[in-house]
Amino acid sequence: SGASTGVYEALELRDKADEYMGKGVLKAVGNVNSIIAPALLGLDPTQQKKIDDLMVQDLDGTKNEWGWSKSKLGANAVLGVSMAVARAGAAAKKVPLYQHIADLAGNTKLILPVPAFNIINGGSHAGNALAMQEFMILPTGASSFSEALKMGSEVYHNLKSIIKKKYGQDAVNVGDEGGFAPAIQSNAEALNLVNKAIEAAGYTGK
């Protein structure tokens, strides 16, 4: 779903009616209430894979050349229920959701991930000429999550100042993903702006 949909993505179900510009999801909601819910009542919510397989392979059962497509019930219906099952499973075990997901993945080492910051938008997410859809930074040199968050925020705001000074006030409008979408013409130009912002924030090499 979204502005850019890849060929490998599962297929969401939209109503394609006049309401909500064709983006309504009443059919998907109906599938949750009338097909998925009755089949899942009474199952153990800690058995995530069993329930996901039941929804994808048995209740939906649609395939395309890339695999299970979820086009009958809608990937938006299946995913929403899958996420609800994960929360129910965590509640049943009386553990936080992240712990439950780690258990399902067999992950015994729990650490906060490095945050990724989407700071310049291109492609279908912006109105500029950039071929690349997202320019992101990851503060891998930070010693903690809070420091990484600070670094990313400061680079973002320095980038805003640099873009505004070079291209004008209207160039700091943001794209679909929250990154800036200045009217620049090349990926190299975007990367140069990112490097300047990192340098201005004092985080070169981090």
C-alpha atoms as a PDB file:
ATOM      1  CA  SER A   1       0.000   0.000   0.000  1.00  0.00           C
ATOM      2  CA  GLY A   2       1.009   3.626  -0.035  1.00  0.00           C
ATOM      3  CA  ALA A   3       2.402   5.884  -2.730  1.00  0.00           C
ATOM      4  CA  SER A   4       4.851   3.231  -3.904  1.00  0.00           C
ATOM      5  CA  THR A   5       3.784  -0.401  -4.024  1.00  0.00           C
ATOM      6  CA  GLY A   6       6.329  -3.091  -4.874  1.00  0.00           C
ATOM      7  CA  VAL A   7       5.510  -6.183  -6.908  1.00  0.00           C
ATOM      8  CA  TYR A   8       6.414  -8.436  -3.965  1.00  0.00           C
ATOM      9  CA  GLU A   9       3.965  -6.832  -1.540  1.00  0.00           C
ATOM     10  CA  ALA A  10       0.905  -8.637  -0.242  1.00  0.00           C
ATOM     11  CA  LEU A  11      -2.330  -7.257  -1.657  1.00  0.00           C
ATOM     12  CA  GLU A  12      -4.509  -5.056   0.493  1.00  0.00           C
ATOM     13  CA  LEU A  13      -8.262  -4.989  -0.029  1.00  0.00           C
ATOM     14  CA  ARG A  14      -9.952  -1.660  -0.794  1.00  0.00           C
ATOM     15  CA  ASP A  15     -13.656  -1.024  -1.435  1.00  0.00           C
ATOM     16  CA  LYS A  16     -13.081   0.920  -4.670  1.00  0.00           C
ATOM     17  CA  ALA A  17     -16.337   2.811  -4.101  1.00  0.00           C
ATOM     18  CA  ASP A  18     -16.949   6.553  -4.209  1.00  0.00           C
ATOM     19  CA  GLU A  19     -16.525   6.896  -0.453  1.00  0.00           C
ATOM     20  CA  TYR A  20     -13.023   7.698   0.778  1.00  0.00           C
ATOM     21  CA  MET A  21     -11.872   8.152  -2.839  1.00  0.00           C
ATOM     22  CA  GLY A  22     -11.979   4.411  -3.371  1.00  0.00           C
ATOM     23  CA  LYS A  23      -9.728   3.713  -0.393  1.00  0.00           C
ATOM     24  CA  GLY A  24     -12.381   2.464   2.044  1.00  0.00           C
ATOM     25  CA  VAL A  25     -11.811  -0.789   3.923  1.00  0.00           C
ATOM     26  CA  LEU A  26     -15.329  -1.934   4.831  1.00  0.00           C
ATOM     27  CA  LYS A  27     -14.849  -5.181   2.874  1.00  0.00           C
ATOM     28  CA  ALA A  28     -11.671  -5.964   4.791  1.00  0.00           C
ATOM     29  CA  VAL A  29     -13.377  -5.174   8.100  1.00  0.00           C
ATOM     30  CA  GLY A  30     -16.268  -7.410   7.085  1.00  0.00           C
ATOM     31  CA  ASN A  31     -13.836 -10.236   6.372  1.00  0.00           C
ATOM     32  CA  VAL A  32     -12.358  -9.857   9.854  1.00  0.00           C
ATOM     33  CA  ASN A  33     -15.770  -9.996  11.515  1.00  0.00           C
ATOM     34  CA  SER A  34     -17.443 -12.704   9.423  1.00  0.00           C
ATOM     35  CA  ILE A  35     -14.594 -15.015   8.328  1.00  0.00           C
ATOM     36  CA  ILE A  36     -11.445 -14.572  10.407  1.00  0.00           C
ATOM     37  CA  ALA A  37     -12.896 -14.001  13.878  1.00  0.00           C
ATOM     38  CA  PRO A  38     -15.139 -17.108  13.955  1.00  0.00           C
ATOM     39  CA  ALA A  39     -12.212 -19.282  12.843  1.00  0.00           C
ATOM     40  CA  LEU A  40      -9.877 -17.922  15.520  1.00  0.00           C
ATOM     41  CA  LEU A  41     -12.170 -17.956  18.542  1.00  0.00           C
ATOM     42  CA  GLY A  42     -10.849 -20.306  21.209  1.00  0.00           C
ATOM     43  CA  LEU A  43      -7.347 -20.667  19.737  1.00  0.00           C
ATOM     44  CA  ASP A  44      -4.221 -20.136  21.829  1.00  0.00           C
ATOM     45  CA  PRO A  45      -2.986 -16.607  20.992  1.00  0.00           C
ATOM     46  CA  THR A  46       0.590 -17.540  21.866  1.00  0.00           C
ATOM     47  CA  GLN A  47       0.690 -19.789  18.787  1.00  0.00           C
ATOM     48  CA  GLN A  48       1.410 -16.961  16.379  1.00  0.00           C
ATOM     49  CA  LYS A  49       2.689 -18.960  13.402  1.00  0.00           C
ATOM     50  CA  LYS A  50      -0.152 -21.462  13.612  1.00  0.00           C
ATOM     51  CA  ILE A  51      -2.725 -18.674  13.555  1.00  0.00           C
ATOM     52  CA  ASP A  52      -0.943 -16.713  10.816  1.00  0.00           C
ATOM     53  CA  ASP A  53      -0.727 -19.838   8.648  1.00  0.00           C
ATOM     54  CA  LEU A  54      -4.414 -20.547   9.252  1.00  0.00           C
ATOM     55  CA  MET A  55      -5.365 -17.085   8.053  1.00  0.00           C
ATOM     56  CA  VAL A  56      -2.982 -16.901   5.109  1.00  0.00           C
ATOM     57  CA  GLN A  57      -3.068 -20.445   3.770  1.00  0.00           C
ATOM     58  CA  ASP A  58      -6.467 -21.810   4.796  1.00  0.00           C
ATOM     59  CA  LEU A  59      -8.899 -18.904   5.196  1.00  0.00           C
ATOM     60  CA  ASP A  60      -7.459 -16.804   2.370  1.00  0.00           C
ATOM     61  CA  GLY A  61      -5.504 -19.291   0.277  1.00  0.00           C
ATOM     62  CA  THR A  62      -4.693 -16.962  -2.624  1.00  0.00           C
ATOM     63  CA  LYS A  63      -1.324 -17.090  -4.353  1.00  0.00           C
ATOM     64  CA  ASN A  64       0.457 -15.250  -7.118  1.00  0.00           C
ATOM     65  CA  GLU A  65       3.879 -15.759  -8.685  1.00  0.00           C
ATOM     66  CA  TRP A  66       5.533 -14.279  -5.583  1.00  0.00           C
ATOM     67  CA  GLY A  67       3.786 -16.441  -2.966  1.00  0.00           C
ATOM     68  CA  TRP A  68       0.776 -16.075  -0.665  1.00  0.00           C
ATOM     69  CA  SER A  69      -0.891 -12.843  -1.809  1.00  0.00           C
ATOM     70  CA  LYS A  70      -3.753 -12.476   0.718  1.00  0.00           C
ATOM     71  CA  SER A  71      -5.932 -10.941  -1.988  1.00  0.00           C
ATOM     72  CA  LYS A  72      -9.190 -12.663  -0.922  1.00  0.00           C
ATOM     73  CA  LEU A  73      -9.406 -11.427   2.671  1.00  0.00           C
ATOM     74  CA  GLY A  74      -6.995  -8.546   2.168  1.00  0.00           C
ATOM     75  CA  ALA A  75      -3.511  -8.201   3.599  1.00  0.00           C
ATOM     76  CA  ASN A  76      -4.813  -5.266   5.638  1.00  0.00           C
ATOM     77  CA  ALA A  77      -7.357  -7.573   7.310  1.00  0.00           C
ATOM     78  CA  VAL A  78      -4.868 -10.389   7.915  1.00  0.00           C
ATOM     79  CA  LEU A  79      -2.109  -8.115   9.203  1.00  0.00           C
ATOM     80  CA  GLY A  80      -4.403  -6.268  11.592  1.00  0.00           C
ATOM     81  CA  VAL A  81      -5.593  -9.522  13.139  1.00  0.00           C
ATOM     82  CA  SER A  82      -2.050 -10.897  13.269  1.00  0.00           C
ATOM     83  CA  MET A  83      -0.917  -7.838  15.214  1.00  0.00           C
ATOM     84  CA  ALA A  84      -3.877  -8.167  17.575  1.00  0.00           C
ATOM     85  CA  VAL A  85      -3.008 -11.840  18.122  1.00  0.00           C
ATOM     86  CA  ALA A  86       0.562 -10.863  19.006  1.00  0.00           C
ATOM     87  CA  ARG A  87      -0.722  -8.450  21.633  1.00  0.00           C
ATOM     88  CA  ALA A  88      -3.127 -11.056  22.968  1.00  0.00           C
ATOM     89  CA  GLY A  89      -0.314 -13.597  23.139  1.00  0.00           C
ATOM     90  CA  ALA A  90       1.857 -11.215  25.133  1.00  0.00           C
ATOM     91  CA  ALA A  91      -1.046 -10.487  27.489  1.00  0.00           C
ATOM     92  CA  ALA A  92      -1.709 -14.214  27.950  1.00  0.00           C
ATOM     93  CA  LYS A  93       1.938 -14.742  28.930  1.00  0.00           C
ATOM     94  CA  LYS A  94       1.919 -11.570  31.055  1.00  0.00           C
ATOM     95  CA  VAL A  95       5.022 -10.202  29.318  1.00  0.00           C
ATOM     96  CA  PRO A  96       5.628  -7.015  27.314  1.00  0.00           C
ATOM     97  CA  LEU A  97       4.952  -7.244  23.582  1.00  0.00           C
ATOM     98  CA  TYR A  98       8.638  -6.865  22.685  1.00  0.00           C
ATOM     99  CA  GLN A  99       9.495  -9.819  24.938  1.00  0.00           C
ATOM    100  CA  HIS A 100       6.814 -11.970  23.328  1.00  0.00           C
ATOM    101  CA  ILE A 101       8.061 -11.117  19.835  1.00  0.00           C
ATOM    102  CA  ALA A 102      11.618 -11.889  20.902  1.00  0.00           C
ATOM    103  CA  ASP A 103      10.459 -15.261  22.250  1.00  0.00           C
ATOM    104  CA  LEU A 104       8.727 -16.054  18.961  1.00  0.00           C
ATOM    105  CA  ALA A 105      11.913 -15.169  17.088  1.00  0.00           C
ATOM    106  CA  GLY A 106      14.143 -17.145  19.449  1.00  0.00           C
ATOM    107  CA  ASN A 107      16.022 -13.979  20.335  1.00  0.00           C
ATOM    108  CA  THR A 108      17.520 -14.032  23.818  1.00  0.00           C
ATOM    109  CA  LYS A 109      19.616 -10.867  23.527  1.00  0.00           C
ATOM    110  CA  LEU A 110      17.373  -7.823  23.836  1.00  0.00           C
ATOM    111  CA  ILE A 111      18.732  -4.417  22.843  1.00  0.00           C
ATOM    112  CA  LEU A 112      17.074  -1.275  21.511  1.00  0.00           C
ATOM    113  CA  PRO A 113      17.641  -0.921  17.765  1.00  0.00           C
ATOM    114  CA  VAL A 114      19.519   1.985  16.210  1.00  0.00           C
ATOM    115  CA  PRO A 115      16.855   4.476  15.095  1.00  0.00           C
ATOM    116  CA  ALA A 116      16.750   5.291  11.378  1.00  0.00           C
ATOM    117  CA  PHE A 117      15.830   8.820  10.298  1.00  0.00           C
ATOM    118  CA  ASN A 118      14.213   9.514   6.939  1.00  0.00           C
ATOM    119  CA  ILE A 119      15.427  13.034   6.202  1.00  0.00           C
ATOM    120  CA  ILE A 120      15.078  13.595   2.434  1.00  0.00           C
ATOM    121  CA  ASN A 121      12.233  12.219   0.309  1.00  0.00           C
ATOM    122  CA  GLY A 122      12.247  11.486  -3.401  1.00  0.00           C
ATOM    123  CA  GLY A 123      10.531   9.141  -5.831  1.00  0.00           C
ATOM    124  CA  SER A 124       6.774   8.708  -5.470  1.00  0.00           C
ATOM    125  CA  HIS A 125       6.865  10.252  -1.982  1.00  0.00           C
ATOM    126  CA  ALA A 126       7.861  13.702  -3.191  1.00  0.00           C
ATOM    127  CA  GLY A 127       7.394  16.110  -6.068  1.00  0.00           C
ATOM    128  CA  ASN A 128      11.043  16.410  -7.007  1.00  0.00           C
ATOM    129  CA  ALA A 129      13.240  14.707  -9.593  1.00  0.00           C
ATOM    130  CA  LEU A 130      15.066  12.340  -7.231  1.00  0.00           C
ATOM    131  CA  ALA A 131      15.077   8.696  -8.294  1.00  0.00           C
ATOM    132  CA  MET A 132      15.802   7.442  -4.782  1.00  0.00           C
ATOM    133  CA  GLN A 133      12.750   7.349  -2.551  1.00  0.00           C
ATOM    134  CA  GLU A 134      14.338   7.847   0.853  1.00  0.00           C
ATOM    135  CA  PHE A 135      17.624   9.224   2.126  1.00  0.00           C
ATOM    136  CA  MET A 136      18.143   7.957   5.652  1.00  0.00           C
ATOM    137  CA  ILE A 137      20.738   8.330   8.387  1.00  0.00           C
ATOM    138  CA  LEU A 138      21.587   5.897  11.178  1.00  0.00           C
ATOM    139  CA  PRO A 139      23.629   7.232  14.111  1.00  0.00           C
ATOM    140  CA  THR A 140      25.613   4.031  14.630  1.00  0.00           C
ATOM    141  CA  GLY A 141      28.272   5.907  16.586  1.00  0.00           C
ATOM    142  CA  ALA A 142      25.890   6.686  19.454  1.00  0.00           C
ATOM    143  CA  SER A 143      26.433   4.963  22.795  1.00  0.00           C
ATOM    144  CA  SER A 144      22.741   4.881  23.731  1.00  0.00           C
ATOM    145  CA  PHE A 145      19.308   5.188  22.150  1.00  0.00           C
ATOM    146  CA  SER A 146      18.767   8.616  23.683  1.00  0.00           C
ATOM    147  CA  GLU A 147      22.054   9.877  22.243  1.00  0.00           C
ATOM    148  CA  ALA A 148      21.130   8.437  18.832  1.00  0.00           C
ATOM    149  CA  LEU A 149      17.762  10.209  18.981  1.00  0.00           C
ATOM    150  CA  LYS A 150      19.486  13.489  19.842  1.00  0.00           C
ATOM    151  CA  MET A 151      21.951  13.091  16.987  1.00  0.00           C
ATOM    152  CA  GLY A 152      19.247  12.322  14.449  1.00  0.00           C
ATOM    153  CA  SER A 153      17.098  15.233  15.577  1.00  0.00           C
ATOM    154  CA  GLU A 154      19.957  17.711  15.424  1.00  0.00           C
ATOM    155  CA  VAL A 155      21.037  16.558  11.951  1.00  0.00           C
ATOM    156  CA  TYR A 156      17.416  16.861  10.748  1.00  0.00           C
ATOM    157  CA  HIS A 157      17.079  20.435  11.990  1.00  0.00           C
ATOM    158  CA  ASN A 158      20.487  21.432  10.637  1.00  0.00           C
ATOM    159  CA  LEU A 159      19.432  19.986   7.282  1.00  0.00           C
ATOM    160  CA  LYS A 160      16.291  22.131   7.395  1.00  0.00           C
ATOM    161  CA  SER A 161      18.370  25.268   7.925  1.00  0.00           C
ATOM    162  CA  ILE A 162      20.744  24.362   5.102  1.00  0.00           C
ATOM    163  CA  ILE A 163      17.938  23.625   2.645  1.00  0.00           C
ATOM    164  CA  LYS A 164      16.057  26.802   3.595  1.00  0.00           C
ATOM    165  CA  LYS A 165      19.155  28.950   3.134  1.00  0.00           C
ATOM    166  CA  LYS A 166      20.061  27.411  -0.239  1.00  0.00           C
ATOM    167  CA  TYR A 167      16.663  26.812  -1.835  1.00  0.00           C
ATOM    168  CA  GLY A 168      14.195  29.046   0.010  1.00  0.00           C
ATOM    169  CA  GLN A 169      11.372  28.685   2.529  1.00  0.00           C
ATOM    170  CA  ASP A 170       9.127  26.521   0.329  1.00  0.00           C
ATOM    171  CA  ALA A 171      11.920  23.949  -0.067  1.00  0.00           C
ATOM    172  CA  VAL A 172      11.509  22.749   3.522  1.00  0.00           C
ATOM    173  CA  ASN A 173       8.085  21.241   2.880  1.00  0.00           C
ATOM    174  CA  VAL A 174       8.041  17.556   3.776  1.00  0.00           C
ATOM    175  CA  GLY A 175       7.116  14.486   1.714  1.00  0.00           C
ATOM    176  CA  ASP A 176       4.850  11.558   2.566  1.00  0.00           C
ATOM    177  CA  GLU A 177       7.393  10.054   4.964  1.00  0.00           C
ATOM    178  CA  GLY A 178       8.332  13.236   6.828  1.00  0.00           C
ATOM    179  CA  GLY A 179      11.625  13.932   5.076  1.00  0.00           C
ATOM    180  CA  PHE A 180      12.298  17.191   3.279  1.00  0.00           C
ATOM    181  CA  ALA A 181      11.445  17.296  -0.423  1.00  0.00           C
ATOM    182  CA  PRO A 182      13.431  20.139  -1.989  1.00  0.00           C
ATOM    183  CA  ALA A 183      13.392  20.585  -5.753  1.00  0.00           C
ATOM    184  CA  ILE A 184      16.815  19.075  -6.329  1.00  0.00           C
ATOM    185  CA  GLN A 185      17.814  17.166  -9.425  1.00  0.00           C
ATOM    186  CA  SER A 186      20.277  14.457  -8.434  1.00  0.00           C
ATOM    187  CA  ASN A 187      20.985  11.892  -5.749  1.00  0.00           C
ATOM    188  CA  ALA A 188      24.502  13.288  -5.413  1.00  0.00           C
ATOM    189  CA  GLU A 189      23.069  16.702  -4.554  1.00  0.00           C
ATOM    190  CA  ALA A 190      20.862  15.141  -1.868  1.00  0.00           C
ATOM    191  CA  LEU A 191      23.770  13.197  -0.371  1.00  0.00           C
ATOM    192  CA  ASN A 192      25.868  16.350  -0.326  1.00  0.00           C
ATOM    193  CA  LEU A 193      23.147  18.118   1.660  1.00  0.00           C
ATOM    194  CA  VAL A 194      23.039  15.229   4.129  1.00  0.00           C
ATOM    195  CA  ASN A 195      26.802  15.333   4.603  1.00  0.00           C
ATOM    196  CA  LYS A 196      26.704  19.078   5.205  1.00  0.00           C
ATOM    197  CA  ALA A 197      23.944  18.648   7.801  1.00  0.00           C
ATOM    198  CA  ILE A 198      25.890  15.938   9.622  1.00  0.00           C
ATOM    199  CA  GLU A 199      28.983  18.139   9.636  1.00  0.00           C
ATOM    200  CA  ALA A 200      27.035  21.179  10.844  1.00  0.00           C
ATOM    201  CA  ALA A 201      25.591  19.140  13.704  1.00  0.00           C
ATOM    202  CA  GLY A 202      29.090  17.984  14.676  1.00  0.00           C
ATOM    203  CA  TYR A 203      28.525  14.273  14.040  1.00  0.00           C
ATOM    204  CA  THR A 204      30.813  13.488  11.103  1.00  0.00           C
ATOM    205  CA  GLY A 205      31.864   9.837  11.266  1.00  0.00           C
ATOM    206  CA  LYS A 206      29.163   8.921  13.782  1.00  0.00           C
END
